[in-house]
């Protein structure tokens, strides 16, 4: 599991549901190791709804239809 600061992890135990925010990844290496809650159940990343971003073109490129190029 790839972790980054700011990621939210939640306990998979329905009775516990402890949630933590990652502040520092420290020496945790990617691999097969599961992060576990204090109750013993594995921690999983909380679902984050994906969001779309808009592509902003330069004004000259928008007029010519070619992104990122300028005319001389």
N, C-alpha and C. Protein backbone atom coordinates (compact mmCIF):
# COMPACT_ATOMS: atom_id res chain seq x y z
N UNK A 1 0.85 -1.17 0.00
CA UNK A 1 0.00 0.00 0.00
C UNK A 1 0.90 1.24 0.00
N UNK A 2 0.69 2.11 -0.95
CA UNK A 2 1.49 3.32 -1.04
C UNK A 2 0.85 4.41 -0.18
N UNK A 3 1.61 4.91 0.78
CA UNK A 3 1.10 5.93 1.69
C UNK A 3 1.76 7.27 1.42
N UNK A 4 0.97 8.32 1.58
CA UNK A 4 1.48 9.69 1.47
C UNK A 4 0.94 10.48 2.65
N UNK A 5 1.67 11.49 3.10
CA UNK A 5 1.14 12.34 4.17
C UNK A 5 -0.21 12.92 3.75
N UNK A 6 -1.17 12.86 4.66
CA UNK A 6 -2.52 13.35 4.38
C UNK A 6 -3.51 12.25 4.06
N UNK A 7 -3.01 11.03 3.76
CA UNK A 7 -3.90 9.90 3.50
C UNK A 7 -4.66 9.53 4.76
N UNK A 8 -5.88 9.05 4.58
CA UNK A 8 -6.72 8.63 5.69
C UNK A 8 -6.83 7.11 5.68
N UNK A 9 -6.60 6.48 6.82
CA UNK A 9 -6.71 5.03 6.97
C UNK A 9 -7.82 4.73 7.96
N UNK A 10 -8.59 3.66 7.69
CA UNK A 10 -9.71 3.29 8.56
C UNK A 10 -9.62 1.81 8.89
N UNK A 11 -9.94 1.48 10.13
CA UNK A 11 -9.97 0.09 10.57
C UNK A 11 -11.10 -0.64 9.86
N UNK A 12 -10.84 -1.86 9.41
CA UNK A 12 -11.86 -2.63 8.68
C UNK A 12 -12.84 -3.34 9.61
N UNK A 13 -12.63 -3.26 10.93
CA UNK A 13 -13.54 -3.84 11.91
C UNK A 13 -14.75 -2.92 12.06
N UNK A 14 -15.97 -3.44 11.76
CA UNK A 14 -17.18 -2.63 11.81
C UNK A 14 -17.48 -2.08 13.21
N UNK A 15 -17.02 -2.75 14.25
CA UNK A 15 -17.26 -2.28 15.61
C UNK A 15 -16.24 -1.22 16.04
N UNK A 16 -15.08 -1.21 15.46
CA UNK A 16 -14.01 -0.28 15.85
C UNK A 16 -14.04 0.99 15.00
N UNK A 17 -13.81 0.85 13.70
CA UNK A 17 -13.81 1.93 12.71
C UNK A 17 -12.89 3.11 13.07
N UNK A 18 -11.79 2.82 13.77
CA UNK A 18 -10.81 3.85 14.09
C UNK A 18 -10.28 4.45 12.79
N UNK A 19 -10.15 5.77 12.75
CA UNK A 19 -9.64 6.43 11.55
C UNK A 19 -8.43 7.27 11.94
N UNK A 20 -7.36 7.16 11.15
CA UNK A 20 -6.14 7.93 11.39
C UNK A 20 -5.73 8.65 10.11
N UNK A 21 -5.01 9.76 10.27
CA UNK A 21 -4.47 10.52 9.16
C UNK A 21 -2.96 10.34 9.17
N UNK A 22 -2.39 10.01 8.03
CA UNK A 22 -0.94 9.80 7.91
C UNK A 22 -0.26 11.17 7.93
N UNK A 23 0.71 11.34 8.83
CA UNK A 23 1.46 12.59 8.89
C UNK A 23 2.90 12.41 8.40
N UNK A 24 3.46 11.21 8.61
CA UNK A 24 4.83 10.94 8.19
C UNK A 24 4.93 9.46 7.85
N UNK A 25 5.52 9.15 6.70
CA UNK A 25 5.60 7.74 6.31
C UNK A 25 6.77 7.03 6.98
N UNK A 26 7.72 7.76 7.49
CA UNK A 26 8.83 7.16 8.24
C UNK A 26 9.55 6.08 7.47
N UNK A 27 9.75 4.93 8.11
CA UNK A 27 10.50 3.84 7.49
C UNK A 27 9.59 2.78 6.89
N UNK A 28 8.28 3.06 6.79
CA UNK A 28 7.36 2.07 6.22
C UNK A 28 7.69 1.88 4.74
N UNK A 29 8.00 0.68 4.37
CA UNK A 29 8.33 0.34 2.98
C UNK A 29 7.13 -0.32 2.32
N UNK A 30 7.01 -0.10 1.01
CA UNK A 30 5.98 -0.80 0.26
C UNK A 30 6.27 -2.29 0.29
N UNK A 31 5.24 -3.05 0.35
CA UNK A 31 5.44 -4.50 0.36
C UNK A 31 4.15 -5.19 0.72
N UNK A 32 4.27 -6.39 1.22
CA UNK A 32 3.10 -7.20 1.55
C UNK A 32 2.63 -6.99 2.98
N UNK A 33 3.29 -6.11 3.73
CA UNK A 33 2.91 -5.93 5.13
C UNK A 33 1.63 -5.09 5.23
N UNK A 34 0.69 -5.58 6.03
CA UNK A 34 -0.56 -4.86 6.27
C UNK A 34 -0.40 -4.01 7.52
N UNK A 35 -0.88 -2.80 7.45
CA UNK A 35 -0.92 -1.97 8.64
C UNK A 35 -2.13 -2.42 9.45
N UNK A 36 -1.94 -2.58 10.74
CA UNK A 36 -3.02 -3.10 11.58
C UNK A 36 -3.41 -2.09 12.65
N UNK A 37 -4.68 -2.12 12.98
CA UNK A 37 -5.25 -1.29 14.04
C UNK A 37 -4.85 -1.89 15.40
N UNK A 38 -5.09 -1.16 16.46
CA UNK A 38 -4.79 -1.69 17.80
C UNK A 38 -5.71 -2.85 18.17
N UNK A 39 -6.88 -2.97 17.48
CA UNK A 39 -7.79 -4.10 17.74
C UNK A 39 -7.36 -5.34 16.95
N UNK A 40 -6.39 -5.22 16.05
CA UNK A 40 -5.86 -6.36 15.32
C UNK A 40 -6.33 -6.48 13.88
N UNK A 41 -7.35 -5.73 13.48
CA UNK A 41 -7.85 -5.79 12.11
C UNK A 41 -6.99 -4.92 11.19
N UNK A 42 -6.95 -5.25 9.89
CA UNK A 42 -6.15 -4.45 8.97
C UNK A 42 -6.74 -3.07 8.74
N UNK A 43 -5.85 -2.10 8.50
CA UNK A 43 -6.25 -0.73 8.17
C UNK A 43 -6.32 -0.63 6.65
N UNK A 44 -7.32 0.08 6.16
CA UNK A 44 -7.47 0.28 4.72
C UNK A 44 -7.64 1.76 4.44
N UNK A 45 -7.25 2.16 3.23
CA UNK A 45 -7.44 3.55 2.84
C UNK A 45 -8.93 3.85 2.75
N UNK A 46 -9.31 5.01 3.26
CA UNK A 46 -10.70 5.44 3.16
C UNK A 46 -10.99 5.84 1.71
N UNK A 47 -12.22 5.64 1.27
CA UNK A 47 -12.60 5.97 -0.10
C UNK A 47 -12.61 7.49 -0.28
N UNK A 48 -12.00 7.93 -1.37
CA UNK A 48 -12.01 9.35 -1.73
C UNK A 48 -12.60 9.45 -3.12
N UNK A 49 -13.68 10.23 -3.24
CA UNK A 49 -14.34 10.39 -4.53
C UNK A 49 -13.40 11.08 -5.50
N UNK A 50 -13.19 10.53 -6.69
CA UNK A 50 -12.29 11.17 -7.65
C UNK A 50 -12.88 12.49 -8.15
N UNK A 51 -11.99 13.41 -8.47
CA UNK A 51 -12.45 14.69 -9.00
C UNK A 51 -11.72 14.98 -10.31
N UNK A 52 -12.42 15.61 -11.22
CA UNK A 52 -11.84 15.96 -12.51
C UNK A 52 -11.24 17.36 -12.42
N UNK A 53 -10.20 17.58 -13.17
CA UNK A 53 -9.60 18.91 -13.22
C UNK A 53 -9.72 19.45 -14.64
N UNK A 54 -9.69 20.75 -14.76
CA UNK A 54 -9.83 21.39 -16.06
C UNK A 54 -8.45 21.68 -16.63
N UNK A 55 -8.36 21.59 -17.93
CA UNK A 55 -7.12 21.88 -18.63
C UNK A 55 -7.17 23.34 -19.07
N UNK A 56 -6.17 24.12 -18.64
CA UNK A 56 -6.11 25.53 -18.99
C UNK A 56 -5.03 25.72 -20.05
N UNK A 57 -5.41 26.24 -21.18
CA UNK A 57 -4.48 26.50 -22.26
C UNK A 57 -4.08 27.96 -22.26
N UNK A 58 -2.91 28.25 -22.77
CA UNK A 58 -2.50 29.63 -22.96
C UNK A 58 -3.40 30.27 -24.01
N UNK A 59 -3.63 31.57 -23.91
CA UNK A 59 -4.57 32.24 -24.80
C UNK A 59 -4.17 32.11 -26.27
N UNK A 60 -2.89 32.23 -26.59
CA UNK A 60 -2.45 32.11 -27.98
C UNK A 60 -2.65 30.68 -28.49
N UNK A 61 -2.35 29.72 -27.67
CA UNK A 61 -2.50 28.32 -28.06
C UNK A 61 -3.98 27.98 -28.28
N UNK A 62 -4.85 28.57 -27.50
CA UNK A 62 -6.27 28.31 -27.64
C UNK A 62 -6.79 28.84 -28.98
N UNK A 63 -6.23 29.96 -29.46
CA UNK A 63 -6.67 30.54 -30.73
C UNK A 63 -6.22 29.69 -31.91
N UNK A 64 -4.99 29.15 -31.84
CA UNK A 64 -4.46 28.38 -32.97
C UNK A 64 -4.84 26.92 -32.88
N UNK A 65 -5.24 26.46 -31.71
CA UNK A 65 -5.64 25.06 -31.57
C UNK A 65 -4.50 24.11 -31.27
N UNK A 66 -3.29 24.63 -31.08
CA UNK A 66 -2.16 23.78 -30.72
C UNK A 66 -1.72 24.11 -29.31
N UNK A 67 -1.79 23.18 -28.39
CA UNK A 67 -1.45 23.46 -27.00
C UNK A 67 0.03 23.74 -26.79
N UNK A 68 0.31 24.81 -26.06
CA UNK A 68 1.68 25.10 -25.62
C UNK A 68 2.62 25.64 -26.68
N UNK A 69 2.16 26.04 -27.84
CA UNK A 69 3.05 26.58 -28.86
C UNK A 69 2.74 28.06 -29.07
N UNK A 70 3.74 28.79 -29.50
CA UNK A 70 3.55 30.21 -29.79
C UNK A 70 3.97 30.50 -31.22
N UNK A 71 3.33 31.48 -31.81
CA UNK A 71 3.68 31.87 -33.17
C UNK A 71 4.63 33.05 -33.14
N UNK A 72 5.58 33.10 -34.09
CA UNK A 72 6.53 34.20 -34.13
C UNK A 72 6.47 34.91 -35.45
